[in-house]
Amino acid sequence: MNLKNKKIAFLGDSITEGHGTTSVEHTFWNVLAQRTGAQSCGYGISGTRIAPQRKPSANPRDDIYFGSRVEEMIPVADIVVVFGGTNDYGHGDAAFGTMEDRTEDTFYGSLHLLMQKLLQQYPEALIVFMTPLHRLGESGRAYNGRGVRNAADLQAYVDAILEVAAYYGIPVLDLFRISGIQPEIPAIRERYMPDGLHPCDAGHGRIAERLIGFLETL
């Protein structure tokens, strides 16, 4: 696919919003626009999750979950890119759930409803998901940041995105496995993700590079 002049909407969390970059111009979606001539629109809100929060957060803005924001995006798009899940793992309180779920009570169910809503709103657009990146302290953790006994690890959230997207025929760029960003390696953390969670300018450049290459194959 030639990305020049394509209208692309990016739905996400703090990474899409640009936390960790020196300016919004260095976010991956703006870098993509600069390199390809696409028209990028960013819809990132820091702290937000794919699944709704059951217990309200201290900052209400953190609870504007992905599915509740679809109608606020541009009404016509050629491509929609969704990049989330790390906050569901890190501090969300929704149950993980199973593939059979179809309610917003679980992460799995919220994925189903989000993908259905996107396909309904953008029936002619290319819908693409990106999986969460690795994050510092993730390796070997038995539980996620909520400390819930039956909480899944980060890779389980990644694999849930892949499983549900496959059901709807939605392409997924698996950044967890192909980004080359692993903050447990000091040199990689310093170069691409200094705080161990949010990519810096160079990290966003790496994501843009991976995403451009992926979209051009579709």
N, C-alpha and C. Protein backbone atom coordinates (compact mmCIF):
# COMPACT_ATOMS: atom_id res chain seq x y z
N MET A 1 0.84 -1.20 0.00
CA MET A 1 0.00 0.00 0.00
C MET A 1 0.87 1.25 0.00
N ASN A 2 0.56 2.16 -0.88
CA ASN A 2 1.22 3.46 -0.90
C ASN A 2 0.53 4.36 0.12
N LEU A 3 1.28 4.88 1.08
CA LEU A 3 0.68 5.63 2.18
C LEU A 3 0.50 7.12 1.89
N LYS A 4 1.00 7.60 0.78
CA LYS A 4 0.91 9.03 0.49
C LYS A 4 -0.55 9.46 0.43
N ASN A 5 -0.86 10.52 1.18
CA ASN A 5 -2.20 11.12 1.24
C ASN A 5 -3.25 10.25 1.91
N LYS A 6 -2.86 9.10 2.45
CA LYS A 6 -3.82 8.27 3.18
C LYS A 6 -4.16 8.95 4.52
N LYS A 7 -5.43 8.94 4.87
CA LYS A 7 -5.87 9.46 6.15
C LYS A 7 -5.80 8.34 7.18
N ILE A 8 -4.98 8.55 8.21
CA ILE A 8 -4.75 7.50 9.20
C ILE A 8 -5.08 8.03 10.59
N ALA A 9 -5.94 7.31 11.32
CA ALA A 9 -6.29 7.64 12.71
C ALA A 9 -5.55 6.69 13.64
N PHE A 10 -4.95 7.24 14.68
CA PHE A 10 -4.16 6.45 15.63
C PHE A 10 -4.80 6.55 17.01
N LEU A 11 -5.32 5.44 17.50
CA LEU A 11 -5.96 5.37 18.81
C LEU A 11 -5.01 4.71 19.79
N GLY A 12 -4.73 5.38 20.91
CA GLY A 12 -3.77 4.81 21.83
C GLY A 12 -3.72 5.46 23.19
N ASP A 13 -2.61 5.21 23.89
CA ASP A 13 -2.43 5.68 25.26
C ASP A 13 -1.31 6.72 25.31
N SER A 14 -0.51 6.70 26.38
CA SER A 14 0.53 7.72 26.56
C SER A 14 1.61 7.67 25.50
N ILE A 15 1.88 6.48 24.95
CA ILE A 15 2.90 6.39 23.90
C ILE A 15 2.42 7.12 22.66
N THR A 16 1.17 6.91 22.29
CA THR A 16 0.61 7.63 21.15
C THR A 16 0.51 9.12 21.44
N GLU A 17 0.19 9.47 22.68
CA GLU A 17 0.10 10.88 23.06
C GLU A 17 1.46 11.57 22.97
N GLY A 18 2.53 10.80 23.14
CA GLY A 18 3.86 11.35 22.99
C GLY A 18 4.67 11.47 24.26
N HIS A 19 4.20 10.86 25.35
CA HIS A 19 4.96 10.87 26.59
C HIS A 19 6.31 10.19 26.36
N GLY A 20 7.38 10.86 26.71
CA GLY A 20 8.72 10.31 26.49
C GLY A 20 9.44 10.94 25.31
N THR A 21 8.70 11.62 24.44
CA THR A 21 9.33 12.29 23.30
C THR A 21 9.64 13.74 23.66
N THR A 22 10.46 14.39 22.86
CA THR A 22 10.77 15.80 23.09
C THR A 22 9.66 16.72 22.61
N SER A 23 8.83 16.25 21.68
CA SER A 23 7.69 17.01 21.20
C SER A 23 6.78 16.07 20.41
N VAL A 24 5.54 16.49 20.21
CA VAL A 24 4.58 15.64 19.49
C VAL A 24 5.02 15.38 18.06
N GLU A 25 5.84 16.25 17.51
CA GLU A 25 6.33 16.03 16.14
C GLU A 25 7.17 14.77 16.04
N HIS A 26 7.69 14.29 17.18
CA HIS A 26 8.54 13.09 17.16
C HIS A 26 7.78 11.82 17.52
N THR A 27 6.46 11.89 17.67
CA THR A 27 5.69 10.67 17.88
C THR A 27 5.75 9.79 16.63
N PHE A 28 5.57 8.51 16.81
CA PHE A 28 5.70 7.59 15.68
C PHE A 28 4.72 7.92 14.56
N TRP A 29 3.53 8.39 14.92
CA TRP A 29 2.53 8.66 13.88
C TRP A 29 2.83 9.94 13.11
N ASN A 30 3.46 10.91 13.77
CA ASN A 30 3.90 12.10 13.05
C ASN A 30 5.13 11.80 12.20
N VAL A 31 6.03 10.97 12.71
CA VAL A 31 7.19 10.57 11.92
C VAL A 31 6.74 9.82 10.68
N LEU A 32 5.75 8.94 10.84
CA LEU A 32 5.20 8.21 9.69
C LEU A 32 4.67 9.19 8.64
N ALA A 33 3.95 10.21 9.09
CA ALA A 33 3.41 11.20 8.15
C ALA A 33 4.53 11.95 7.44
N GLN A 34 5.55 12.31 8.18
CA GLN A 34 6.67 13.06 7.60
C GLN A 34 7.40 12.23 6.55
N ARG A 35 7.52 10.93 6.79
CA ARG A 35 8.29 10.08 5.89
C ARG A 35 7.49 9.59 4.69
N THR A 36 6.15 9.54 4.82
CA THR A 36 5.35 8.93 3.76
C THR A 36 4.40 9.89 3.05
N GLY A 37 4.11 11.03 3.65
CA GLY A 37 3.12 11.93 3.07
C GLY A 37 1.70 11.58 3.47
N ALA A 38 1.54 10.68 4.43
CA ALA A 38 0.21 10.35 4.95
C ALA A 38 -0.31 11.50 5.80
N GLN A 39 -1.62 11.52 6.03
CA GLN A 39 -2.24 12.50 6.90
C GLN A 39 -2.60 11.80 8.21
N SER A 40 -1.82 12.05 9.25
CA SER A 40 -1.98 11.34 10.51
C SER A 40 -2.76 12.16 11.53
N CYS A 41 -3.67 11.50 12.23
CA CYS A 41 -4.44 12.11 13.31
C CYS A 41 -4.25 11.27 14.57
N GLY A 42 -3.69 11.86 15.60
CA GLY A 42 -3.41 11.11 16.82
C GLY A 42 -4.49 11.27 17.87
N TYR A 43 -4.90 10.14 18.45
CA TYR A 43 -5.90 10.12 19.51
C TYR A 43 -5.35 9.33 20.69
N GLY A 44 -4.30 9.84 21.28
CA GLY A 44 -3.68 9.17 22.42
C GLY A 44 -4.00 9.89 23.71
N ILE A 45 -4.38 9.15 24.74
CA ILE A 45 -4.62 9.71 26.07
C ILE A 45 -3.84 8.89 27.08
N SER A 46 -2.98 9.56 27.80
CA SER A 46 -2.09 8.90 28.76
C SER A 46 -2.88 8.15 29.82
N GLY A 47 -2.41 6.96 30.15
CA GLY A 47 -3.00 6.17 31.21
C GLY A 47 -4.18 5.32 30.83
N THR A 48 -4.69 5.49 29.61
CA THR A 48 -5.93 4.81 29.23
C THR A 48 -5.70 3.36 28.83
N ARG A 49 -6.80 2.61 28.84
CA ARG A 49 -6.74 1.17 28.63
C ARG A 49 -7.75 0.75 27.57
N ILE A 50 -7.60 -0.45 27.07
CA ILE A 50 -8.57 -1.02 26.13
C ILE A 50 -9.84 -1.40 26.88
N ALA A 51 -9.72 -1.96 28.06
CA ALA A 51 -10.88 -2.33 28.88
C ALA A 51 -11.21 -1.21 29.87
N PRO A 52 -12.50 -1.01 30.18
CA PRO A 52 -12.88 -0.01 31.18
C PRO A 52 -12.33 -0.37 32.56
N GLN A 53 -12.14 0.65 33.37
CA GLN A 53 -11.72 0.47 34.75
C GLN A 53 -12.94 0.29 35.63
N ARG A 54 -12.91 -0.70 36.50
CA ARG A 54 -14.04 -0.92 37.40
C ARG A 54 -14.02 0.07 38.56
N LYS A 55 -12.86 0.26 39.18
CA LYS A 55 -12.71 1.24 40.25
C LYS A 55 -12.17 2.53 39.64
N PRO A 56 -12.87 3.65 39.77
CA PRO A 56 -12.44 4.90 39.15
C PRO A 56 -11.01 5.29 39.55
N SER A 57 -10.26 5.80 38.59
CA SER A 57 -8.90 6.26 38.84
C SER A 57 -8.93 7.64 39.49
N ALA A 58 -7.81 8.03 40.08
CA ALA A 58 -7.72 9.36 40.70
C ALA A 58 -7.93 10.45 39.66
N ASN A 59 -7.42 10.22 38.46
CA ASN A 59 -7.61 11.17 37.37
C ASN A 59 -8.66 10.59 36.41
N PRO A 60 -9.85 11.17 36.33
CA PRO A 60 -10.90 10.63 35.47
C PRO A 60 -10.48 10.48 34.01
N ARG A 61 -9.54 11.29 33.58
CA ARG A 61 -9.08 11.21 32.19
C ARG A 61 -8.47 9.84 31.88
N ASP A 62 -7.89 9.21 32.91
CA ASP A 62 -7.27 7.89 32.72
C ASP A 62 -8.29 6.81 32.38
N ASP A 63 -9.56 7.07 32.66
CA ASP A 63 -10.59 6.05 32.49
C ASP A 63 -11.38 6.21 31.20
N ILE A 64 -10.90 7.07 30.30
CA ILE A 64 -11.56 7.21 28.99
C ILE A 64 -11.04 6.09 28.10
N TYR A 65 -11.61 4.91 28.27
CA TYR A 65 -11.09 3.72 27.61
C TYR A 65 -11.29 3.78 26.09
N PHE A 66 -10.59 2.91 25.38
CA PHE A 66 -10.50 3.00 23.92
C PHE A 66 -11.87 2.97 23.23
N GLY A 67 -12.71 2.01 23.62
CA GLY A 67 -13.99 1.85 22.95
C GLY A 67 -14.89 3.06 23.05
N SER A 68 -14.73 3.85 24.12
CA SER A 68 -15.57 5.02 24.32
C SER A 68 -15.14 6.21 23.46
N ARG A 69 -14.01 6.08 22.77
CA ARG A 69 -13.46 7.22 22.03
C ARG A 69 -13.53 7.05 20.52
N VAL A 70 -14.03 5.92 20.05
CA VAL A 70 -14.05 5.67 18.61
C VAL A 70 -14.87 6.72 17.87
N GLU A 71 -16.03 7.08 18.42
CA GLU A 71 -16.90 8.04 17.74
C GLU A 71 -16.29 9.43 17.64
N GLU A 72 -15.27 9.72 18.47
CA GLU A 72 -14.66 11.04 18.47
C GLU A 72 -13.55 11.18 17.42
N MET A 73 -13.20 10.09 16.77
CA MET A 73 -12.15 10.15 15.76
C MET A 73 -12.73 10.64 14.43
N ILE A 74 -11.85 10.93 13.48
CA ILE A 74 -12.29 11.41 12.18
C ILE A 74 -13.31 10.44 11.59
N PRO A 75 -14.37 10.96 10.97
CA PRO A 75 -15.44 10.07 10.49
C PRO A 75 -15.06 9.21 9.30
N VAL A 76 -14.07 9.67 8.53
CA VAL A 76 -13.62 8.91 7.36
C VAL A 76 -12.11 8.72 7.46
N ALA A 77 -11.66 7.48 7.35
CA ALA A 77 -10.22 7.18 7.41
C ALA A 77 -9.92 6.05 6.45
N ASP A 78 -8.72 6.09 5.89
CA ASP A 78 -8.26 4.99 5.05
C ASP A 78 -7.68 3.86 5.90
N ILE A 79 -7.06 4.26 7.02
CA ILE A 79 -6.41 3.30 7.92
C ILE A 79 -6.68 3.74 9.36
N VAL A 80 -6.92 2.78 10.24
CA VAL A 80 -7.02 3.04 11.67
C VAL A 80 -6.02 2.12 12.38
N VAL A 81 -5.15 2.72 13.19
CA VAL A 81 -4.14 1.96 13.92
C VAL A 81 -4.41 2.07 15.41
N VAL A 82 -4.51 0.94 16.09
CA VAL A 82 -4.77 0.89 17.52
C VAL A 82 -3.53 0.34 18.23
N PHE A 83 -3.06 1.07 19.24
CA PHE A 83 -1.85 0.70 19.95
C PHE A 83 -2.12 0.81 21.45
N GLY A 84 -2.41 -0.32 22.07
CA GLY A 84 -2.70 -0.31 23.50
C GLY A 84 -2.53 -1.67 24.12
N GLY A 85 -2.86 -1.75 25.40
CA GLY A 85 -2.77 -3.01 26.13
C GLY A 85 -1.78 -2.98 27.27
N THR A 86 -0.75 -2.14 27.16
CA THR A 86 0.26 -2.14 28.22
C THR A 86 -0.32 -1.62 29.54
N ASN A 87 -1.27 -0.68 29.49
CA ASN A 87 -1.88 -0.17 30.71
C ASN A 87 -2.90 -1.15 31.28
N ASP A 88 -3.54 -1.94 30.42
CA ASP A 88 -4.42 -3.00 30.93
C ASP A 88 -3.60 -3.97 31.77
N TYR A 89 -2.42 -4.28 31.29
CA TYR A 89 -1.50 -5.16 32.03
C TYR A 89 -0.96 -4.45 33.28
N GLY A 90 -0.54 -3.20 33.10
CA GLY A 90 0.19 -2.51 34.16
C GLY A 90 -0.66 -2.05 35.32
N HIS A 91 -1.83 -1.46 35.05
CA HIS A 91 -2.63 -0.96 36.16
C HIS A 91 -4.14 -1.05 35.94
N GLY A 92 -4.58 -1.80 34.94
CA GLY A 92 -6.02 -2.00 34.76
C GLY A 92 -6.56 -2.98 35.78
N ASP A 93 -7.85 -2.86 36.07
CA ASP A 93 -8.43 -3.79 37.04
C ASP A 93 -9.52 -4.67 36.44
N ALA A 94 -9.68 -4.64 35.12
CA ALA A 94 -10.63 -5.56 34.49
C ALA A 94 -10.04 -6.97 34.48
N ALA A 95 -10.90 -7.96 34.61
CA ALA A 95 -10.46 -9.35 34.52
C ALA A 95 -9.89 -9.62 33.13
N PHE A 96 -9.02 -10.59 33.04
CA PHE A 96 -8.41 -10.93 31.75
C PHE A 96 -9.42 -11.58 30.81
N GLY A 97 -10.16 -12.54 31.31
CA GLY A 97 -11.24 -13.15 30.53
C GLY A 97 -10.78 -14.24 29.58
N THR A 98 -11.69 -14.59 28.66
CA THR A 98 -11.43 -15.65 27.68
C THR A 98 -11.91 -15.22 26.31
N MET A 99 -11.56 -15.97 25.30
CA MET A 99 -11.92 -15.67 23.93
C MET A 99 -13.44 -15.63 23.73
N GLU A 100 -14.19 -16.29 24.55
CA GLU A 100 -15.64 -16.36 24.39
C GLU A 100 -16.35 -15.10 24.91
N ASP A 101 -15.66 -14.25 25.65
CA ASP A 101 -16.29 -13.08 26.25
C ASP A 101 -16.72 -12.06 25.19
N ARG A 102 -17.85 -11.41 25.44
CA ARG A 102 -18.34 -10.37 24.54
C ARG A 102 -18.91 -9.19 25.32
N THR A 103 -18.36 -8.93 26.51
CA THR A 103 -18.75 -7.75 27.29
C THR A 103 -17.49 -7.00 27.70
N GLU A 104 -17.67 -5.76 28.12
CA GLU A 104 -16.53 -4.94 28.52
C GLU A 104 -16.04 -5.26 29.93
N ASP A 105 -16.55 -6.32 30.53
CA ASP A 105 -16.11 -6.69 31.87
C ASP A 105 -14.71 -7.29 31.87
N THR A 106 -14.22 -7.73 30.70
CA THR A 106 -12.91 -8.36 30.62
C THR A 106 -12.09 -7.75 29.50
N PHE A 107 -10.79 -8.00 29.54
CA PHE A 107 -9.90 -7.52 28.47
C PHE A 107 -10.28 -8.18 27.15
N TYR A 108 -10.47 -9.48 27.16
CA TYR A 108 -10.87 -10.19 25.93
C TYR A 108 -12.17 -9.62 25.36
N GLY A 109 -13.17 -9.46 26.21
CA GLY A 109 -14.45 -8.95 25.75
C GLY A 109 -14.34 -7.54 25.20
N SER A 110 -13.53 -6.70 25.85
CA SER A 110 -13.32 -5.33 25.38
C SER A 110 -12.63 -5.30 24.03
N LEU A 111 -11.72 -6.23 23.81
CA LEU A 111 -11.09 -6.33 22.49
C LEU A 111 -12.12 -6.66 21.42
N HIS A 112 -12.97 -7.62 21.70
CA HIS A 112 -14.02 -7.98 20.74
C HIS A 112 -14.89 -6.78 20.41
N LEU A 113 -15.36 -6.08 21.43
CA LEU A 113 -16.28 -4.96 21.21
C LEU A 113 -15.59 -3.79 20.51
N LEU A 114 -14.32 -3.55 20.85
CA LEU A 114 -13.57 -2.48 20.19
C LEU A 114 -13.39 -2.78 18.71
N MET A 115 -13.01 -4.00 18.38
CA MET A 115 -12.81 -4.36 16.98
C MET A 115 -14.12 -4.32 16.21
N GLN A 116 -15.20 -4.79 16.83
CA GLN A 116 -16.51 -4.73 16.18
C GLN A 116 -16.91 -3.28 15.91
N LYS A 117 -16.68 -2.40 16.88
CA LYS A 117 -17.05 -1.00 16.72
C LYS A 117 -16.24 -0.33 15.61
N LEU A 118 -14.95 -0.63 15.54
CA LEU A 118 -14.11 -0.05 14.50
C LEU A 118 -14.53 -0.55 13.12
N LEU A 119 -14.82 -1.84 13.02
CA LEU A 119 -15.24 -2.39 11.73
C LEU A 119 -16.59 -1.82 11.30
N GLN A 120 -17.45 -1.54 12.26
CA GLN A 120 -18.76 -0.96 11.97
C GLN A 120 -18.61 0.49 11.51
N GLN A 121 -17.75 1.25 12.22
CA GLN A 121 -17.60 2.68 11.90
C GLN A 121 -16.77 2.91 10.65
N TYR A 122 -15.80 2.02 10.41
CA TYR A 122 -14.90 2.19 9.26
C TYR A 122 -14.92 0.92 8.39
N PRO A 123 -16.05 0.60 7.76
CA PRO A 123 -16.15 -0.67 7.02
C PRO A 123 -15.23 -0.76 5.81
N GLU A 124 -14.80 0.38 5.27
CA GLU A 124 -13.93 0.36 4.10
C GLU A 124 -12.47 0.62 4.44
N ALA A 125 -12.18 0.88 5.70
CA ALA A 125 -10.82 1.21 6.11
C ALA A 125 -10.03 -0.05 6.45
N LEU A 126 -8.71 0.08 6.42
CA LEU A 126 -7.82 -0.96 6.91
C LEU A 126 -7.64 -0.74 8.41
N ILE A 127 -8.09 -1.69 9.21
CA ILE A 127 -7.93 -1.63 10.67
C ILE A 127 -6.69 -2.44 11.03
N VAL A 128 -5.80 -1.84 11.82
CA VAL A 128 -4.55 -2.50 12.21
C VAL A 128 -4.35 -2.32 13.72
N PHE A 129 -3.92 -3.38 14.38
CA PHE A 129 -3.54 -3.29 15.79
C PHE A 129 -2.03 -3.47 15.92
N MET A 130 -1.47 -2.85 16.94
CA MET A 130 -0.07 -3.08 17.30
C MET A 130 -0.03 -3.59 18.74
N THR A 131 0.77 -4.61 18.99
CA THR A 131 0.86 -5.16 20.34
C THR A 131 1.77 -4.31 21.21
N PRO A 132 1.59 -4.41 22.54
CA PRO A 132 2.45 -3.65 23.45
C PRO A 132 3.93 -4.00 23.28
N LEU A 133 4.76 -3.03 23.58
CA LEU A 133 6.20 -3.24 23.62
C LEU A 133 6.59 -3.94 24.92
N HIS A 134 7.76 -4.52 24.95
CA HIS A 134 8.32 -4.97 26.22
C HIS A 134 8.48 -3.76 27.14
N ARG A 135 8.46 -4.02 28.45
CA ARG A 135 8.63 -2.94 29.42
C ARG A 135 9.53 -3.42 30.55
N LEU A 136 10.23 -2.50 31.17
CA LEU A 136 11.19 -2.84 32.21
C LEU A 136 10.47 -3.49 33.40
N GLY A 137 11.05 -4.58 33.89
CA GLY A 137 10.48 -5.25 35.04
C GLY A 137 9.43 -6.28 34.70
N GLU A 138 9.14 -6.43 33.41
CA GLU A 138 8.12 -7.38 32.98
C GLU A 138 8.61 -8.81 33.07
N SER A 139 9.89 -9.05 32.76
CA SER A 139 10.41 -10.41 32.65
C SER A 139 10.34 -11.15 33.99
N GLY A 140 9.75 -12.34 33.94
CA GLY A 140 9.73 -13.19 35.11
C GLY A 140 8.70 -12.81 36.16
N ARG A 141 7.84 -11.80 35.87
CA ARG A 141 6.84 -11.41 36.85
C ARG A 141 5.68 -12.40 36.84
N ALA A 142 5.33 -12.88 38.02
CA ALA A 142 4.22 -13.83 38.11
C ALA A 142 2.87 -13.13 37.93
N TYR A 143 2.80 -11.85 38.37
CA TYR A 143 1.55 -11.12 38.31
C TYR A 143 1.79 -9.77 37.64
N ASN A 144 0.72 -9.14 37.20
CA ASN A 144 0.89 -7.81 36.62
C ASN A 144 0.93 -6.77 37.72
N GLY A 145 0.94 -5.49 37.34
CA GLY A 145 1.10 -4.42 38.31
C GLY A 145 -0.01 -4.33 39.32
N ARG A 146 -1.16 -5.00 39.07
CA ARG A 146 -2.26 -4.97 40.02
C ARG A 146 -2.04 -5.94 41.18
N GLY A 147 -1.08 -6.86 41.01
CA GLY A 147 -0.85 -7.85 42.05
C GLY A 147 -1.97 -8.85 42.20
N VAL A 148 -2.79 -8.98 41.16
CA VAL A 148 -3.91 -9.92 41.22
C VAL A 148 -3.40 -11.34 40.98
N ARG A 149 -3.83 -12.26 41.78
CA ARG A 149 -3.30 -13.62 41.73
C ARG A 149 -3.47 -14.28 40.37
N ASN A 150 -4.62 -14.09 39.73
CA ASN A 150 -4.85 -14.78 38.47
C ASN A 150 -4.62 -13.86 37.27
N ALA A 151 -3.93 -12.75 37.49
CA ALA A 151 -3.66 -11.83 36.38
C ALA A 151 -2.67 -12.45 35.41
N ALA A 152 -2.89 -12.18 34.13
CA ALA A 152 -2.00 -12.71 33.09
C ALA A 152 -0.75 -11.86 32.98
N ASP A 153 0.32 -12.46 32.43
CA ASP A 153 1.53 -11.68 32.20
C ASP A 153 1.38 -10.89 30.90
N LEU A 154 2.35 -10.02 30.63
CA LEU A 154 2.22 -9.12 29.48
C LEU A 154 2.10 -9.89 28.17
N GLN A 155 2.84 -10.97 28.03
CA GLN A 155 2.76 -11.73 26.78
C GLN A 155 1.36 -12.30 26.56
N ALA A 156 0.66 -12.61 27.63
CA ALA A 156 -0.72 -13.11 27.48
C ALA A 156 -1.62 -12.02 26.91
N TYR A 157 -1.41 -10.77 27.31
CA TYR A 157 -2.18 -9.66 26.74
C TYR A 157 -1.84 -9.51 25.26
N VAL A 158 -0.58 -9.62 24.93
CA VAL A 158 -0.14 -9.57 23.53
C VAL A 158 -0.83 -10.66 22.72
N ASP A 159 -0.80 -11.88 23.24
CA ASP A 159 -1.36 -13.01 22.51
C ASP A 159 -2.89 -12.91 22.40
N ALA A 160 -3.54 -12.29 23.39
CA ALA A 160 -4.98 -12.09 23.30
C ALA A 160 -5.32 -11.15 22.15
N ILE A 161 -4.54 -10.10 21.98
CA ILE A 161 -4.74 -9.17 20.85
C ILE A 161 -4.60 -9.92 19.54
N LEU A 162 -3.58 -10.75 19.43
CA LEU A 162 -3.36 -11.52 18.21
C LEU A 162 -4.52 -12.49 17.95
N GLU A 163 -5.01 -13.12 19.00
CA GLU A 163 -6.08 -14.12 18.85
C GLU A 163 -7.39 -13.47 18.42
N VAL A 164 -7.77 -12.39 19.08
CA VAL A 164 -9.04 -11.75 18.74
C VAL A 164 -8.96 -11.10 17.36
N ALA A 165 -7.83 -10.46 17.05
CA ALA A 165 -7.67 -9.85 15.73
C ALA A 165 -7.75 -10.90 14.63
N ALA A 166 -7.18 -12.08 14.86
CA ALA A 166 -7.25 -13.14 13.86
C ALA A 166 -8.69 -13.54 13.60
N TYR A 167 -9.52 -13.54 14.63
CA TYR A 167 -10.94 -13.89 14.47
C TYR A 167 -11.64 -12.94 13.50
N TYR A 168 -11.27 -11.65 13.54
CA TYR A 168 -11.90 -10.65 12.68
C TYR A 168 -11.11 -10.39 11.39
N GLY A 169 -10.02 -11.10 11.21
CA GLY A 169 -9.21 -10.88 10.02
C GLY A 169 -8.49 -9.55 10.03
N ILE A 170 -8.15 -9.05 11.22
CA ILE A 170 -7.47 -7.76 11.36
C ILE A 170 -5.96 -7.98 11.47
N PRO A 171 -5.17 -7.30 10.63
CA PRO A 171 -3.71 -7.45 10.69
C PRO A 171 -3.15 -6.88 12.00
N VAL A 172 -2.10 -7.51 12.49
CA VAL A 172 -1.45 -7.08 13.73
C VAL A 172 0.05 -6.95 13.51
N LEU A 173 0.59 -5.79 13.87
CA LEU A 173 2.04 -5.61 13.91
C LEU A 173 2.48 -5.97 15.32
N ASP A 174 3.17 -7.08 15.46
CA ASP A 174 3.54 -7.61 16.78
C ASP A 174 4.85 -6.97 17.25
N LEU A 175 4.74 -5.76 17.78
CA LEU A 175 5.93 -5.05 18.26
C LEU A 175 6.58 -5.77 19.44
N PHE A 176 5.81 -6.52 20.19
CA PHE A 176 6.37 -7.27 21.31
C PHE A 176 7.47 -8.20 20.83
N ARG A 177 7.30 -8.73 19.63
CA ARG A 177 8.24 -9.73 19.11
C ARG A 177 9.19 -9.19 18.05
N ILE A 178 8.87 -8.07 17.39
CA ILE A 178 9.75 -7.64 16.29
C ILE A 178 10.23 -6.20 16.38
N SER A 179 9.94 -5.50 17.48
CA SER A 179 10.37 -4.09 17.56
C SER A 179 11.87 -3.95 17.76
N GLY A 180 12.48 -4.95 18.36
CA GLY A 180 13.90 -4.81 18.71
C GLY A 180 14.12 -3.92 19.92
N ILE A 181 13.04 -3.59 20.64
CA ILE A 181 13.14 -2.75 21.84
C ILE A 181 12.89 -3.61 23.07
N GLN A 182 13.93 -3.89 23.81
CA GLN A 182 13.86 -4.67 25.05
C GLN A 182 14.64 -3.89 26.12
N PRO A 183 13.91 -3.16 26.99
CA PRO A 183 14.59 -2.29 27.96
C PRO A 183 15.38 -3.02 29.03
N GLU A 184 15.25 -4.34 29.11
CA GLU A 184 16.09 -5.08 30.05
C GLU A 184 17.56 -5.06 29.62
N ILE A 185 17.81 -4.73 28.35
CA ILE A 185 19.19 -4.59 27.86
C ILE A 185 19.59 -3.12 28.02
N PRO A 186 20.56 -2.80 28.87
CA PRO A 186 20.88 -1.40 29.18
C PRO A 186 21.12 -0.52 27.96
N ALA A 187 21.86 -1.03 26.98
CA ALA A 187 22.15 -0.21 25.80
C ALA A 187 20.89 0.10 25.01
N ILE A 188 19.97 -0.86 24.95
CA ILE A 188 18.70 -0.65 24.25
C ILE A 188 17.82 0.32 25.03
N ARG A 189 17.78 0.16 26.35
CA ARG A 189 16.97 1.07 27.16
C ARG A 189 17.47 2.51 27.01
N GLU A 190 18.77 2.70 27.08
CA GLU A 190 19.33 4.05 26.96
C GLU A 190 19.02 4.67 25.61
N ARG A 191 19.04 3.85 24.56
CA ARG A 191 18.86 4.36 23.20
C ARG A 191 17.40 4.59 22.85
N TYR A 192 16.51 3.68 23.27
CA TYR A 192 15.14 3.70 22.77
C TYR A 192 14.05 3.93 23.82
N MET A 193 14.31 3.60 25.10
CA MET A 193 13.24 3.66 26.11
C MET A 193 13.85 3.95 27.48
N PRO A 194 14.32 5.17 27.71
CA PRO A 194 15.07 5.48 28.93
C PRO A 194 14.33 5.21 30.23
N ASP A 195 13.00 5.40 30.26
CA ASP A 195 12.28 5.16 31.50
C ASP A 195 11.76 3.73 31.62
N GLY A 196 12.08 2.89 30.63
CA GLY A 196 11.68 1.50 30.68
C GLY A 196 10.26 1.22 30.26
N LEU A 197 9.53 2.26 29.83
CA LEU A 197 8.14 2.09 29.43
C LEU A 197 7.78 2.90 28.19
N HIS A 198 8.19 4.18 28.19
CA HIS A 198 7.82 5.09 27.10
C HIS A 198 9.00 5.29 26.14
N PRO A 199 8.84 4.96 24.88
CA PRO A 199 9.93 5.19 23.92
C PRO A 199 10.25 6.68 23.81
N CYS A 200 11.51 6.98 23.59
CA CYS A 200 11.95 8.35 23.34
C CYS A 200 11.86 8.62 21.84
N ASP A 201 12.44 9.72 21.38
CA ASP A 201 12.37 10.05 19.96
C ASP A 201 12.91 8.91 19.09
N ALA A 202 14.04 8.34 19.49
CA ALA A 202 14.63 7.25 18.71
C ALA A 202 13.72 6.02 18.73
N GLY A 203 13.08 5.77 19.88
CA GLY A 203 12.16 4.63 19.97
C GLY A 203 10.95 4.82 19.08
N HIS A 204 10.43 6.04 19.04
CA HIS A 204 9.30 6.32 18.15
C HIS A 204 9.72 6.20 16.69
N GLY A 205 10.95 6.61 16.40
CA GLY A 205 11.45 6.43 15.03
C GLY A 205 11.51 4.97 14.65
N ARG A 206 11.90 4.11 15.60
CA ARG A 206 11.95 2.67 15.35
C ARG A 206 10.53 2.12 15.11
N ILE A 207 9.57 2.55 15.93
CA ILE A 207 8.18 2.10 15.74
C ILE A 207 7.65 2.54 14.39
N ALA A 208 7.91 3.80 14.03
CA ALA A 208 7.46 4.31 12.73
C ALA A 208 8.05 3.49 11.59
N GLU A 209 9.31 3.15 11.71
CA GLU A 209 9.98 2.35 10.69
C GLU A 209 9.31 0.99 10.53
N ARG A 210 9.03 0.33 11.65
CA ARG A 210 8.37 -0.98 11.62
C ARG A 210 6.95 -0.85 11.03
N LEU A 211 6.23 0.19 11.44
CA LEU A 211 4.85 0.34 11.01
C LEU A 211 4.77 0.68 9.52
N ILE A 212 5.64 1.54 9.04
CA ILE A 212 5.65 1.87 7.62
C ILE A 212 5.89 0.61 6.79
N GLY A 213 6.90 -0.15 7.18
CA GLY A 213 7.20 -1.37 6.45
C GLY A 213 6.04 -2.34 6.46
N PHE A 214 5.35 -2.43 7.61
CA PHE A 214 4.21 -3.34 7.74
C PHE A 214 3.05 -2.89 6.84
N LEU A 215 2.68 -1.62 6.93
CA LEU A 215 1.54 -1.11 6.17
C LEU A 215 1.80 -1.19 4.66
N GLU A 216 3.02 -1.00 4.28
CA GLU A 216 3.33 -1.04 2.84
C GLU A 216 3.19 -2.43 2.25
N THR A 217 3.14 -3.46 3.11
CA THR A 217 2.95 -4.83 2.61
C THR A 217 1.47 -5.19 2.46
N LEU A 218 0.58 -4.33 2.96
CA LEU A 218 -0.85 -4.68 2.99
C LEU A 218 -1.60 -4.11 1.79
